[in-house]
């Protein structure tokens, strides 16, 4: 099991959460399913959940930084920047 820290920037707010998962793909799905951001509609959440299932839209690993990924989500009038860090479990 691995721990992933999700840092989302949305409409001037920073939202941080952590999930334990077998891999990044499963961690990302947990994050999306539990997404609860101020001013965030159900349709926006559903769009992000759908995009987590598309391997072409998977977060990219940052160059030169291990265990760190980034992904942006765009749709209509919303923009969400997501950074993910794989962290050690105590």
Protein backbone atom coordinates (compact mmCIF):
# COMPACT_ATOMS: atom_id res chain seq x y z
CA UNK A 1 0.00 0.00 0.00
CA UNK A 2 1.22 3.50 -0.85
CA UNK A 3 0.11 6.93 0.36
CA UNK A 4 -0.64 9.74 -2.08
CA UNK A 5 -1.05 13.39 -1.17
CA UNK A 6 -3.31 15.39 -3.50
CA UNK A 7 -2.96 19.17 -3.62
CA UNK A 8 -5.69 20.81 -5.70
CA UNK A 9 -5.83 24.51 -6.59
CA UNK A 10 -9.32 25.72 -7.49
CA UNK A 11 -10.86 29.22 -7.52
CA UNK A 12 -8.26 30.69 -5.18
CA UNK A 13 -8.41 27.83 -2.68
CA UNK A 14 -5.95 25.05 -1.94
CA UNK A 15 -7.44 21.67 -1.03
CA UNK A 16 -5.21 18.90 0.31
CA UNK A 17 -6.13 15.27 0.94
CA UNK A 18 -4.40 11.91 1.32
CA UNK A 19 -5.40 8.43 0.27
CA UNK A 20 -3.77 5.03 0.69
CA UNK A 21 -3.92 2.90 -2.44
CA UNK A 22 -2.12 0.09 -4.21
CA UNK A 23 -0.97 2.46 -7.00
CA UNK A 24 -1.41 5.96 -8.36
CA UNK A 25 -4.29 4.98 -10.62
CA UNK A 26 -6.35 3.69 -7.68
CA UNK A 27 -5.35 6.67 -5.53
CA UNK A 28 -6.48 9.08 -8.24
CA UNK A 29 -9.85 7.34 -8.48
CA UNK A 30 -10.30 7.59 -4.69
CA UNK A 31 -9.44 11.30 -4.80
CA UNK A 32 -11.93 11.98 -7.62
CA UNK A 33 -14.74 10.00 -5.99
CA UNK A 34 -14.27 11.90 -2.71
CA UNK A 35 -13.75 15.30 -4.30
CA UNK A 36 -15.48 17.96 -2.21
CA UNK A 37 -14.44 21.49 -3.15
CA UNK A 38 -16.17 24.76 -2.42
CA UNK A 39 -18.17 25.96 -5.48
CA UNK A 40 -17.71 22.58 -7.18
CA UNK A 41 -20.79 21.17 -8.88
CA UNK A 42 -21.79 17.54 -9.29
CA UNK A 43 -21.30 17.76 -13.07
CA UNK A 44 -17.72 19.01 -12.65
CA UNK A 45 -16.99 16.15 -10.27
CA UNK A 46 -18.48 13.63 -12.71
CA UNK A 47 -16.29 15.04 -15.51
CA UNK A 48 -13.16 14.58 -13.42
CA UNK A 49 -14.17 11.04 -12.38
CA UNK A 50 -14.63 10.17 -16.06
CA UNK A 51 -11.23 11.63 -16.96
CA UNK A 52 -9.46 9.54 -14.28
CA UNK A 53 -10.52 6.46 -16.27
CA UNK A 54 -8.89 7.74 -19.49
CA UNK A 55 -5.24 6.64 -19.58
CA UNK A 56 -4.45 9.32 -22.20
CA UNK A 57 -5.33 11.96 -19.58
CA UNK A 58 -3.29 10.46 -16.75
CA UNK A 59 -1.18 12.85 -14.61
CA UNK A 60 2.37 13.31 -15.87
CA UNK A 61 5.43 12.78 -13.71
CA UNK A 62 7.43 15.95 -13.18
CA UNK A 63 10.90 15.95 -14.74
CA UNK A 64 13.69 15.44 -12.26
CA UNK A 65 11.39 14.96 -9.27
CA UNK A 66 10.61 11.40 -8.19
CA UNK A 67 7.12 10.35 -7.12
CA UNK A 68 5.49 13.66 -8.10
CA UNK A 69 2.83 14.20 -10.77
CA UNK A 70 0.77 17.06 -12.13
CA UNK A 71 -2.52 17.30 -14.02
CA UNK A 72 -4.88 20.11 -14.92
CA UNK A 73 -8.61 19.72 -15.46
CA UNK A 74 -10.47 22.12 -17.73
CA UNK A 75 -14.14 22.34 -18.52
CA UNK A 76 -16.46 25.16 -19.40
CA UNK A 77 -15.60 27.88 -16.93
CA UNK A 78 -13.55 25.85 -14.47
CA UNK A 79 -9.86 25.13 -14.11
CA UNK A 80 -8.39 22.84 -11.47
CA UNK A 81 -4.67 22.22 -11.03
CA UNK A 82 -3.75 18.99 -9.26
CA UNK A 83 -0.34 18.05 -7.87
CA UNK A 84 0.21 14.55 -6.48
CA UNK A 85 3.05 13.38 -4.26
CA UNK A 86 3.68 9.77 -3.28
CA UNK A 87 4.61 9.88 0.39
CA UNK A 88 5.91 7.31 2.85
CA UNK A 89 3.51 5.50 5.13
CA UNK A 90 4.42 5.73 8.83
